[in-house]
Protein backbone atom coordinates (compact mmCIF):
# COMPACT_ATOMS: atom_id res chain seq x y z
CA MET A 1 -55.59 2.88 26.86
CA LYS A 2 -53.24 5.33 25.13
CA LYS A 3 -52.47 7.07 28.42
CA LEU A 4 -51.59 3.78 30.07
CA LEU A 5 -49.29 2.86 27.19
CA LEU A 6 -47.56 6.26 27.28
CA LEU A 7 -47.20 6.10 31.06
CA THR A 8 -45.67 2.61 30.86
CA LEU A 9 -43.28 3.74 28.13
CA ALA A 10 -42.24 6.85 30.09
CA LEU A 11 -41.60 4.84 33.27
CA GLY A 12 -39.60 2.30 31.29
CA LEU A 13 -37.41 5.05 29.83
CA VAL A 14 -36.84 6.65 33.23
CA ALA A 15 -35.94 3.33 34.85
CA GLY A 16 -33.66 2.35 31.96
CA GLY A 17 -31.89 5.71 32.05
CA CYS A 18 -30.89 5.17 35.67
CA ALA A 19 -29.00 1.93 35.00
CA THR A 20 -25.26 1.97 35.70
CA ASP A 21 -22.33 -0.22 34.82
CA ASN A 22 -20.47 -1.39 37.94
CA ASN A 23 -17.14 -1.83 36.13
CA SER A 24 -16.88 1.79 34.97
CA ASN A 25 -17.54 3.27 38.41
CA SER A 26 -14.85 1.34 40.24
CA SER A 27 -12.32 3.78 41.69
CA THR A 28 -9.59 1.14 41.89
CA ALA A 29 -9.87 0.38 38.19
CA LYS A 30 -9.37 4.05 37.35
CA THR A 31 -6.27 4.46 39.51
CA GLU A 32 -4.60 1.26 38.32
CA GLN A 33 -5.18 1.81 34.60
CA LYS A 34 -3.21 4.91 33.64
CA LYS A 35 -2.67 6.09 30.12
CA PRO A 36 0.87 5.50 28.90
CA SER A 37 1.47 9.26 28.69
CA GLU A 38 0.61 9.61 32.41
CA LYS A 39 3.18 7.07 33.59
CA ASN A 40 6.51 8.35 34.86
CA PRO A 41 9.78 7.13 33.36
CA GLU A 42 12.13 5.07 35.48
CA VAL A 43 15.89 5.39 35.80
CA GLY A 44 17.51 2.73 33.62
CA MET A 45 14.85 2.65 30.89
CA THR A 46 16.15 2.61 27.33
CA LYS A 47 15.39 5.13 24.59
CA ALA A 48 13.20 2.54 22.85
CA GLN A 49 11.11 2.11 26.00
CA ILE A 50 10.68 5.89 26.31
CA VAL A 51 9.61 6.17 22.65
CA GLU A 52 7.12 3.35 23.24
CA LEU A 53 5.78 5.11 26.34
CA TYR A 54 5.55 8.73 25.08
CA GLY A 55 6.29 8.66 21.36
CA LYS A 56 9.01 10.54 19.50
CA THR A 57 9.97 14.05 20.48
CA ASP A 58 11.10 16.87 18.23
CA ASN A 59 13.06 18.58 20.99
CA ILE A 60 16.38 16.74 21.55
CA GLN A 61 19.38 18.55 23.03
CA ALA A 62 22.91 17.45 23.85
CA SER A 63 24.77 18.75 26.89
CA SER A 64 27.55 17.75 29.27
CA GLU A 65 24.97 15.83 31.34
CA GLY A 66 23.96 13.73 28.33
CA GLU A 67 21.24 13.69 25.71
CA THR A 68 18.08 15.48 26.86
CA TRP A 69 14.60 14.83 25.45
CA ILE A 70 11.87 17.37 26.19
CA TYR A 71 8.16 16.52 25.84
CA ASN A 72 5.61 19.37 25.85
CA MET A 73 2.57 18.05 27.69
CA ASN A 74 -0.07 20.78 27.18
CA MET A 75 0.92 22.60 24.01
CA GLY A 76 -2.68 22.68 22.76
CA GLU A 77 -3.75 24.88 25.67
CA ALA A 78 -1.49 27.67 24.38
CA PHE A 79 -3.83 28.23 21.44
CA ILE A 80 -7.04 28.69 23.45
CA PRO A 81 -8.17 32.31 23.03
CA PHE A 82 -7.97 34.42 26.21
CA ASN A 83 -6.10 31.68 28.11
CA PHE A 84 -3.89 34.09 30.03
CA GLY A 85 -3.12 31.53 32.73
CA TYR A 86 -1.26 29.18 30.37
CA ARG A 87 1.88 27.66 31.87
CA PRO A 88 3.83 25.13 29.80
CA LYS A 89 4.10 21.64 31.29
CA MET A 90 7.13 19.65 30.23
CA ARG A 91 8.63 16.24 30.88
CA ILE A 92 12.43 16.37 30.66
CA ILE A 93 14.34 13.10 30.34
CA VAL A 94 18.16 12.94 30.48
CA PHE A 95 19.97 9.92 29.04
CA ASP A 96 23.49 8.79 29.94
CA GLN A 97 26.20 7.67 27.51
CA ASN A 98 24.71 4.15 27.30
CA GLY A 99 21.32 5.44 26.15
CA THR A 100 19.47 4.72 29.39
CA VAL A 101 17.54 7.19 31.55
CA LYS A 102 19.86 8.94 33.97
CA SER A 103 17.29 11.36 35.43
CA TRP A 104 13.96 12.94 34.65
CA SER A 105 11.80 15.81 35.81
CA TYR A 106 8.25 17.01 35.30
CA SER A 107 7.12 20.61 35.56
CA LYS A 108 3.51 21.10 36.65
């Protein structure tokens, strides 16, 4: 009787462990729902929209092109021991005189 109970319990655990959720495995749901930090800026966006999308940056520079904001994307990887292949990834956003995005670039 004990063996039958243990066998039933084991089969129940195996069958229950194989269950999946259909919503989490949908490839279209993953591609459509990006994190805000993964979205690219658009020309014409305001500074407030950029702050809402990526947060504040500590690296702001002024040049003849306009005000430039630089976001470091993978700064935490620089502190991994023996990570000799580290290359900084940055998102650079240039604003015009009106405070809207004039251009942007992303280094991979």
